[in-house]
C-alpha atoms as a PDB file:
ATOM      1  CA  MET A   1     -14.585 -17.347 103.542  1.00  0.00           C
ATOM      2  CA  SER A   2     -17.826 -17.791 102.252  1.00  0.00           C
ATOM      3  CA  PHE A   3     -18.965 -15.255  99.015  1.00  0.00           C
ATOM      4  CA  ALA A   4     -21.060 -13.739 101.452  1.00  0.00           C
ATOM      5  CA  ASP A   5     -18.592 -12.370 103.667  1.00  0.00           C
ATOM      6  CA  VAL A   6     -16.333 -11.473 100.888  1.00  0.00           C
ATOM      7  CA  LEU A   7     -19.081  -9.690  99.350  1.00  0.00           C
ATOM      8  CA  ALA A   8     -19.754  -7.660 102.656  1.00  0.00           C
ATOM      9  CA  ARG A   9     -16.135  -6.869 103.005  1.00  0.00           C
ATOM     10  CA  ALA A  10     -15.571  -5.485  99.698  1.00  0.00           C
ATOM     11  CA  ARG A  11     -19.244  -3.454 100.007  1.00  0.00           C
ATOM     12  CA  ALA A  12     -18.253  -2.091 103.107  1.00  0.00           C
ATOM     13  CA  GLU A  13     -14.817  -0.994 101.700  1.00  0.00           C
ATOM     14  CA  GLY A  14     -16.128   0.536  98.784  1.00  0.00           C
ATOM     15  CA  ARG A  15     -14.677  -2.015  96.047  1.00  0.00           C
ATOM     16  CA  THR A  16     -16.290  -4.242  93.340  1.00  0.00           C
ATOM     17  CA  LEU A  17     -13.306  -5.997  92.013  1.00  0.00           C
ATOM     18  CA  LEU A  18     -12.365  -9.032  94.514  1.00  0.00           C
ATOM     19  CA  SER A  19      -8.840  -9.105  94.986  1.00  0.00           C
ATOM     20  CA  GLU A  20      -7.408 -12.720  93.495  1.00  0.00           C
ATOM     21  CA  VAL A  21      -6.643 -14.197  96.819  1.00  0.00           C
ATOM     22  CA  GLU A  22     -10.547 -13.606  97.831  1.00  0.00           C
ATOM     23  CA  ALA A  23     -11.553 -14.381  94.052  1.00  0.00           C
ATOM     24  CA  LYS A  24      -9.430 -17.577  94.382  1.00  0.00           C
ATOM     25  CA  ASP A  25     -10.818 -18.601  97.730  1.00  0.00           C
ATOM     26  CA  VAL A  26     -14.649 -18.331  96.621  1.00  0.00           C
ATOM     27  CA  LEU A  27     -14.005 -20.295  93.529  1.00  0.00           C
ATOM     28  CA  ARG A  28     -12.536 -22.615  95.256  1.00  0.00           C
ATOM     29  CA  GLU A  29     -15.577 -23.096  97.902  1.00  0.00           C
ATOM     30  CA  ALA A  30     -17.976 -23.715  94.528  1.00  0.00           C
ATOM     31  CA  GLY A  31     -15.387 -26.395  93.283  1.00  0.00           C
ATOM     32  CA  VAL A  32     -13.765 -24.498  90.691  1.00  0.00           C
ATOM     33  CA  PRO A  33     -10.077 -25.646  90.590  1.00  0.00           C
ATOM     34  CA  VAL A  34      -7.784 -23.036  91.272  1.00  0.00           C
ATOM     35  CA  THR A  35      -4.237 -22.425  92.410  1.00  0.00           C
ATOM     36  CA  LEU A  36      -3.748 -22.248  95.656  1.00  0.00           C
ATOM     37  CA  THR A  37      -2.805 -18.413  96.886  1.00  0.00           C
ATOM     38  CA  THR A  38      -2.455 -16.375  99.831  1.00  0.00           C
ATOM     39  CA  LEU A  39      -2.024 -12.617 101.091  1.00  0.00           C
ATOM     40  CA  ALA A  40       1.034 -11.799 102.284  1.00  0.00           C
ATOM     41  CA  THR A  41       1.090  -8.228 104.177  1.00  0.00           C
ATOM     42  CA  SER A  42       5.231  -8.277 104.260  1.00  0.00           C
ATOM     43  CA  ALA A  43       8.206  -9.886 103.136  1.00  0.00           C
ATOM     44  CA  ASP A  44       8.719 -12.206 105.792  1.00  0.00           C
ATOM     45  CA  GLU A  45       4.814 -13.190 105.556  1.00  0.00           C
ATOM     46  CA  ALA A  46       6.178 -13.949 101.939  1.00  0.00           C
ATOM     47  CA  VAL A  47       8.795 -16.260 102.412  1.00  0.00           C
ATOM     48  CA  THR A  48       7.007 -18.313 105.148  1.00  0.00           C
ATOM     49  CA  GLN A  49       4.061 -18.468 102.409  1.00  0.00           C
ATOM     50  CA  SER A  50       6.253 -19.320  99.726  1.00  0.00           C
ATOM     51  CA  GLU A  51       7.982 -21.984 101.563  1.00  0.00           C
ATOM     52  CA  ALA A  52       4.624 -23.279 102.425  1.00  0.00           C
ATOM     53  CA  ALA A  53       3.336 -23.320  98.616  1.00  0.00           C
ATOM     54  CA  GLY A  54       6.668 -25.083  97.358  1.00  0.00           C
ATOM     55  CA  TYR A  55       8.532 -23.609  95.317  1.00  0.00           C
ATOM     56  CA  PRO A  56       8.496 -22.242  92.223  1.00  0.00           C
ATOM     57  CA  VAL A  57       6.173 -19.769  93.269  1.00  0.00           C
ATOM     58  CA  VAL A  58       4.442 -16.132  91.992  1.00  0.00           C
ATOM     59  CA  LEU A  59       4.364 -13.341  93.598  1.00  0.00           C
ATOM     60  CA  LYS A  60       1.783 -10.689  92.427  1.00  0.00           C
ATOM     61  CA  VAL A  61       0.491  -7.057  93.684  1.00  0.00           C
ATOM     62  CA  VAL A  62      -3.068  -6.967  95.132  1.00  0.00           C
ATOM     63  CA  SER A  63      -4.400  -3.670  94.925  1.00  0.00           C
ATOM     64  CA  PRO A  64      -7.626  -2.774  93.978  1.00  0.00           C
ATOM     65  CA  ASP A  65      -6.332   0.172  92.435  1.00  0.00           C
ATOM     66  CA  ILE A  66      -4.337  -2.246  90.118  1.00  0.00           C
ATOM     67  CA  ALA A  67      -6.302  -3.870  87.362  1.00  0.00           C
ATOM     68  CA  HIS A  68      -2.682  -4.671  85.098  1.00  0.00           C
ATOM     69  CA  LYS A  69      -0.654  -6.259  87.492  1.00  0.00           C
ATOM     70  CA  SER A  70       1.938  -7.360  84.876  1.00  0.00           C
ATOM     71  CA  ASP A  71       1.981  -3.755  83.416  1.00  0.00           C
ATOM     72  CA  ALA A  72       2.655  -2.023  86.645  1.00  0.00           C
ATOM     73  CA  GLY A  73       5.557  -4.617  86.975  1.00  0.00           C
ATOM     74  CA  GLY A  74       3.564  -6.510  89.983  1.00  0.00           C
ATOM     75  CA  VAL A  75       4.030  -9.884  89.296  1.00  0.00           C
ATOM     76  CA  LYS A  76       7.592 -11.872  89.346  1.00  0.00           C
ATOM     77  CA  LEU A  77       7.781 -15.542  88.550  1.00  0.00           C
ATOM     78  CA  ASN A  78       9.317 -18.820  89.037  1.00  0.00           C
ATOM     79  CA  LEU A  79      11.152 -17.636  92.244  1.00  0.00           C
ATOM     80  CA  LYS A  80      13.061 -20.718  93.388  1.00  0.00           C
ATOM     81  CA  THR A  81      14.739 -19.409  97.153  1.00  0.00           C
ATOM     82  CA  ALA A  82      14.084 -16.908  99.569  1.00  0.00           C
ATOM     83  CA  ASP A  83      16.196 -14.175  98.402  1.00  0.00           C
ATOM     84  CA  GLU A  84      14.506 -13.934  95.213  1.00  0.00           C
ATOM     85  CA  VAL A  85      11.085 -14.123  96.903  1.00  0.00           C
ATOM     86  CA  ARG A  86      12.306 -11.175  99.331  1.00  0.00           C
ATOM     87  CA  ALA A  87      14.277  -9.163  96.281  1.00  0.00           C
ATOM     88  CA  ALA A  88      10.514  -9.768  94.190  1.00  0.00           C
ATOM     89  CA  HIS A  89       8.799  -8.692  96.777  1.00  0.00           C
ATOM     90  CA  ALA A  90      10.475  -5.657  97.148  1.00  0.00           C
ATOM     91  CA  ALA A  91      10.774  -4.704  93.481  1.00  0.00           C
ATOM     92  CA  ILE A  92       6.939  -5.512  93.470  1.00  0.00           C
ATOM     93  CA  LEU A  93       6.165  -2.623  95.741  1.00  0.00           C
ATOM     94  CA  LYS A  94       8.561  -0.044  94.141  1.00  0.00           C
ATOM     95  CA  SER A  95       7.330  -0.656  90.541  1.00  0.00           C
ATOM     96  CA  CYS A  96       3.659  -0.852  91.476  1.00  0.00           C
ATOM     97  CA  SER A  97       4.450   2.563  93.794  1.00  0.00           C
ATOM     98  CA  GLU A  98       6.059   4.038  90.762  1.00  0.00           C
ATOM     99  CA  ALA A  99       3.693   2.597  88.004  1.00  0.00           C
ATOM    100  CA  VAL A 100       0.604   3.821  89.718  1.00  0.00           C
ATOM    101  CA  PRO A 101       1.042   6.810  92.394  1.00  0.00           C
ATOM    102  CA  GLY A 102      -0.704   6.618  95.104  1.00  0.00           C
ATOM    103  CA  ALA A 103      -2.132   3.133  94.610  1.00  0.00           C
ATOM    104  CA  LYS A 104      -3.396   1.266  98.121  1.00  0.00           C
ATOM    105  CA  ILE A 105      -1.152  -1.897  98.058  1.00  0.00           C
ATOM    106  CA  THR A 106      -3.104  -4.179 100.334  1.00  0.00           C
ATOM    107  CA  GLY A 107      -0.369  -6.552  99.789  1.00  0.00           C
ATOM    108  CA  VAL A 108       1.317  -9.586  97.515  1.00  0.00           C
ATOM    109  CA  ALA A 109      -0.059 -12.797  96.265  1.00  0.00           C
ATOM    110  CA  VAL A 110       1.751 -15.998  96.648  1.00  0.00           C
ATOM    111  CA  GLN A 111       1.050 -19.375  94.714  1.00  0.00           C
ATOM    112  CA  HIS A 112       2.855 -22.079  93.529  1.00  0.00           C
ATOM    113  CA  MET A 113       3.690 -21.843  89.952  1.00  0.00           C
ATOM    114  CA  ALA A 114       1.705 -24.199  88.054  1.00  0.00           C
ATOM    115  CA  PRO A 115       3.541 -26.259  85.503  1.00  0.00           C
ATOM    116  CA  GLN A 116       2.335 -25.015  82.131  1.00  0.00           C
ATOM    117  CA  GLY A 117      -0.134 -26.219  80.480  1.00  0.00           C
ATOM    118  CA  THR A 118      -2.224 -25.369  77.335  1.00  0.00           C
ATOM    119  CA  GLU A 119      -3.668 -22.208  78.472  1.00  0.00           C
ATOM    120  CA  VAL A 120      -7.478 -21.405  77.543  1.00  0.00           C
ATOM    121  CA  ILE A 121      -9.921 -19.290  79.337  1.00  0.00           C
ATOM    122  CA  VAL A 122     -13.391 -19.739  81.184  1.00  0.00           C
ATOM    123  CA  GLY A 123     -15.125 -16.117  81.663  1.00  0.00           C
ATOM    124  CA  MET A 124     -18.252 -14.659  82.126  1.00  0.00           C
ATOM    125  CA  THR A 125     -20.243 -11.682  81.574  1.00  0.00           C
ATOM    126  CA  THR A 126     -23.834  -9.497  81.919  1.00  0.00           C
ATOM    127  CA  ASP A 127     -25.370  -8.856  79.248  1.00  0.00           C
ATOM    128  CA  ALA A 128     -28.225  -5.844  79.938  1.00  0.00           C
ATOM    129  CA  GLN A 129     -30.543  -7.819  78.041  1.00  0.00           C
ATOM    130  CA  PHE A 130     -29.620 -11.361  78.260  1.00  0.00           C
ATOM    131  CA  GLY A 131     -28.186 -11.512  81.858  1.00  0.00           C
ATOM    132  CA  PRO A 132     -24.616 -13.891  82.657  1.00  0.00           C
ATOM    133  CA  VAL A 133     -23.550 -15.369  80.061  1.00  0.00           C
ATOM    134  CA  MET A 134     -20.214 -17.843  79.469  1.00  0.00           C
ATOM    135  CA  MET A 135     -17.113 -17.396  77.409  1.00  0.00           C
ATOM    136  CA  PHE A 136     -14.777 -20.100  76.441  1.00  0.00           C
ATOM    137  CA  GLY A 137     -12.127 -19.804  74.195  1.00  0.00           C
ATOM    138  CA  LEU A 138      -7.723 -20.087  73.694  1.00  0.00           C
ATOM    139  CA  GLY A 139      -6.203 -18.401  76.816  1.00  0.00           C
ATOM    140  CA  GLY A 140      -3.730 -15.947  77.502  1.00  0.00           C
ATOM    141  CA  ILE A 141      -2.947 -13.258  74.980  1.00  0.00           C
ATOM    142  CA  MET A 142      -4.799 -15.651  72.271  1.00  0.00           C
ATOM    143  CA  VAL A 143      -7.956 -14.368  72.898  1.00  0.00           C
ATOM    144  CA  GLU A 144      -6.965 -10.746  73.068  1.00  0.00           C
ATOM    145  CA  VAL A 145      -5.571 -11.644  69.324  1.00  0.00           C
ATOM    146  CA  LEU A 146      -7.255 -14.188  67.594  1.00  0.00           C
ATOM    147  CA  LYS A 147     -11.270 -13.653  69.320  1.00  0.00           C
ATOM    148  CA  ASP A 148     -12.070 -17.178  68.991  1.00  0.00           C
ATOM    149  CA  VAL A 149     -14.484 -17.781  71.424  1.00  0.00           C
ATOM    150  CA  SER A 150     -17.681 -19.318  72.156  1.00  0.00           C
ATOM    151  CA  PHE A 151     -20.845 -18.255  74.024  1.00  0.00           C
ATOM    152  CA  ARG A 152     -23.924 -19.758  76.366  1.00  0.00           C
ATOM    153  CA  LEU A 153     -26.106 -18.221  78.384  1.00  0.00           C
ATOM    154  CA  VAL A 154     -26.139 -18.842  82.108  1.00  0.00           C
ATOM    155  CA  PRO A 155     -27.335 -22.008  83.261  1.00  0.00           C
ATOM    156  CA  LEU A 156     -25.476 -24.358  81.309  1.00  0.00           C
ATOM    157  CA  ALA A 157     -26.103 -28.155  80.764  1.00  0.00           C
ATOM    158  CA  ASP A 158     -23.176 -30.306  80.186  1.00  0.00           C
ATOM    159  CA  ARG A 159     -24.253 -30.737  76.197  1.00  0.00           C
ATOM    160  CA  ASP A 160     -23.815 -26.787  76.439  1.00  0.00           C
ATOM    161  CA  ALA A 161     -20.390 -27.141  77.871  1.00  0.00           C
ATOM    162  CA  GLY A 162     -19.166 -29.454  75.228  1.00  0.00           C
ATOM    163  CA  GLN A 163     -20.614 -27.460  72.397  1.00  0.00           C
ATOM    164  CA  MET A 164     -18.460 -24.256  73.771  1.00  0.00           C
ATOM    165  CA  ILE A 165     -15.362 -26.498  73.666  1.00  0.00           C
ATOM    166  CA  ASP A 166     -16.232 -27.938  70.285  1.00  0.00           C
ATOM    167  CA  GLU A 167     -16.918 -24.475  68.477  1.00  0.00           C
ATOM    168  CA  ILE A 168     -13.715 -22.559  68.844  1.00  0.00           C
ATOM    169  CA  LYS A 169     -11.816 -22.564  66.155  1.00  0.00           C
ATOM    170  CA  GLY A 170      -9.266 -23.414  68.122  1.00  0.00           C
ATOM    171  CA  ARG A 171     -10.120 -26.870  69.106  1.00  0.00           C
ATOM    172  CA  PRO A 172      -7.307 -29.115  67.278  1.00  0.00           C
ATOM    173  CA  VAL A 173      -5.129 -27.826  69.779  1.00  0.00           C
ATOM    174  CA  LEU A 174      -6.952 -29.232  72.396  1.00  0.00           C
ATOM    175  CA  SER A 175      -6.697 -32.314  70.641  1.00  0.00           C
ATOM    176  CA  GLY A 176      -2.687 -31.915  71.020  1.00  0.00           C
ATOM    177  CA  VAL A 177      -0.995 -30.739  67.657  1.00  0.00           C
ATOM    178  CA  ARG A 178       2.829 -30.739  67.025  1.00  0.00           C
ATOM    179  CA  GLY A 179       3.664 -33.199  69.581  1.00  0.00           C
ATOM    180  CA  GLN A 180       1.704 -31.373  72.056  1.00  0.00           C
ATOM    181  CA  PRO A 181      -0.500 -33.523  74.354  1.00  0.00           C
ATOM    182  CA  ALA A 182      -4.011 -33.936  74.266  1.00  0.00           C
ATOM    183  CA  SER A 183      -5.948 -31.771  77.033  1.00  0.00           C
ATOM    184  CA  ASP A 184      -8.491 -33.331  79.594  1.00  0.00           C
ATOM    185  CA  ILE A 185     -11.725 -32.450  77.908  1.00  0.00           C
ATOM    186  CA  ALA A 186     -13.716 -33.935  80.685  1.00  0.00           C
ATOM    187  CA  ALA A 187     -12.031 -31.364  83.190  1.00  0.00           C
ATOM    188  CA  LEU A 188     -12.724 -28.489  80.779  1.00  0.00           C
ATOM    189  CA  LYS A 189     -16.497 -29.027  81.207  1.00  0.00           C
ATOM    190  CA  SER A 190     -16.093 -29.528  84.587  1.00  0.00           C
ATOM    191  CA  THR A 191     -14.172 -26.057  84.973  1.00  0.00           C
ATOM    192  CA  ILE A 192     -16.939 -24.534  82.464  1.00  0.00           C
ATOM    193  CA  LEU A 193     -20.079 -26.056  84.363  1.00  0.00           C
ATOM    194  CA  LYS A 194     -18.902 -25.270  87.794  1.00  0.00           C
ATOM    195  CA  VAL A 195     -18.308 -21.999  87.089  1.00  0.00           C
ATOM    196  CA  SER A 196     -21.711 -21.290  85.516  1.00  0.00           C
ATOM    197  CA  GLU A 197     -23.275 -23.063  88.557  1.00  0.00           C
ATOM    198  CA  PHE A 198     -21.343 -20.510  90.285  1.00  0.00           C
ATOM    199  CA  VAL A 199     -22.674 -17.490  88.820  1.00  0.00           C
ATOM    200  CA  ALA A 200     -26.282 -18.346  88.561  1.00  0.00           C
ATOM    201  CA  GLN A 201     -26.216 -18.924  92.346  1.00  0.00           C
ATOM    202  CA  HIS A 202     -24.702 -15.711  92.891  1.00  0.00           C
ATOM    203  CA  PRO A 203     -26.210 -12.943  90.807  1.00  0.00           C
ATOM    204  CA  GLU A 204     -24.097 -10.380  92.342  1.00  0.00           C
ATOM    205  CA  VAL A 205     -21.303 -11.003  89.998  1.00  0.00           C
ATOM    206  CA  GLN A 206     -21.200  -8.987  87.187  1.00  0.00           C
ATOM    207  CA  GLU A 207     -17.940 -10.061  85.798  1.00  0.00           C
ATOM    208  CA  LEU A 208     -15.557 -13.203  86.041  1.00  0.00           C
ATOM    209  CA  ASP A 209     -12.351 -14.678  83.997  1.00  0.00           C
ATOM    210  CA  LEU A 210     -10.492 -16.995  84.529  1.00  0.00           C
ATOM    211  CA  ASN A 211      -7.257 -16.134  82.262  1.00  0.00           C
ATOM    212  CA  PRO A 212      -5.260 -18.577  81.981  1.00  0.00           C
ATOM    213  CA  VAL A 213      -6.726 -22.069  82.745  1.00  0.00           C
ATOM    214  CA  PHE A 214      -3.852 -24.821  82.549  1.00  0.00           C
ATOM    215  CA  ALA A 215      -5.266 -27.573  81.087  1.00  0.00           C
ATOM    216  CA  TYR A 216      -3.124 -30.813  81.516  1.00  0.00           C
ATOM    217  CA  PRO A 217      -3.711 -34.277  79.660  1.00  0.00           C
ATOM    218  CA  ASP A 218      -5.170 -35.044  83.290  1.00  0.00           C
ATOM    219  CA  GLY A 219      -7.178 -32.264  84.882  1.00  0.00           C
ATOM    220  CA  ALA A 220      -7.175 -28.386  84.349  1.00  0.00           C
ATOM    221  CA  ILE A 221      -6.456 -25.400  87.003  1.00  0.00           C
ATOM    222  CA  ALA A 222      -6.713 -22.417  87.157  1.00  0.00           C
ATOM    223  CA  VAL A 223      -3.940 -20.051  87.683  1.00  0.00           C
ATOM    224  CA  ASP A 224      -5.288 -16.298  87.835  1.00  0.00           C
ATOM    225  CA  ALA A 225      -9.018 -14.757  88.822  1.00  0.00           C
ATOM    226  CA  ARG A 226     -10.886 -11.808  88.363  1.00  0.00           C
ATOM    227  CA  ILE A 227     -14.350 -11.106  89.609  1.00  0.00           C
ATOM    228  CA  ILE A 228     -16.412  -7.836  89.483  1.00  0.00           C
ATOM    229  CA  VAL A 229     -19.361  -7.841  91.931  1.00  0.00           C
ATOM    230  CA  SER A 230     -22.152  -5.480  91.604  1.00  0.00           C
ATOM    231  CA  ALA A 231     -21.687  -2.398  94.220  1.00  0.00           C
ATOM    232  CA  SER A 232     -25.142  -3.144  95.700  1.00  0.00           C
END
């Protein structure tokens, strides 16, 4: 589905937060590497989609009313069988309904569980004065704890993406430390530039987070995606 179609549907439903499935669909169309993620509206669909994705899989709640899925019990990892998927589906619905009473739950997102890599974040926010600003840093909880990030104004050139990577204090992590493999810097630069291009082409995007992006010795992929669009 195109970004225009996704945007129109979100606005018709009074939403500014795209679902993870929607966000990944439009980013994949733009050439950003993201995990293939599908929406299951029942336990049977979750099993069928899990088998198509290939075990192990991850299930995540899809709800416009639940911003922090893990805190609400809305994420189940490393599911390896149909029985585990069914149990996880039921547990997610129960936990989220209890954690956020009245929340509209559209379904669950199903994706293959990507191998662990070095976690980084690629993001974008809208500054009132300067407009869209790209961000890069170490991902996961590290971005919250260390605040080790770099920024550039959109649109970015190839040199800008390289400088963003090199500027963070945690840059040695990407070169490989304590026996860890080095990350594919070219793939990270490409991801940053693709996101910058996507944002430049779609001024309706107000915020965007890919966190984490798993960086590998060969390639990189975003396993979670969040996009907020303007209301009109």
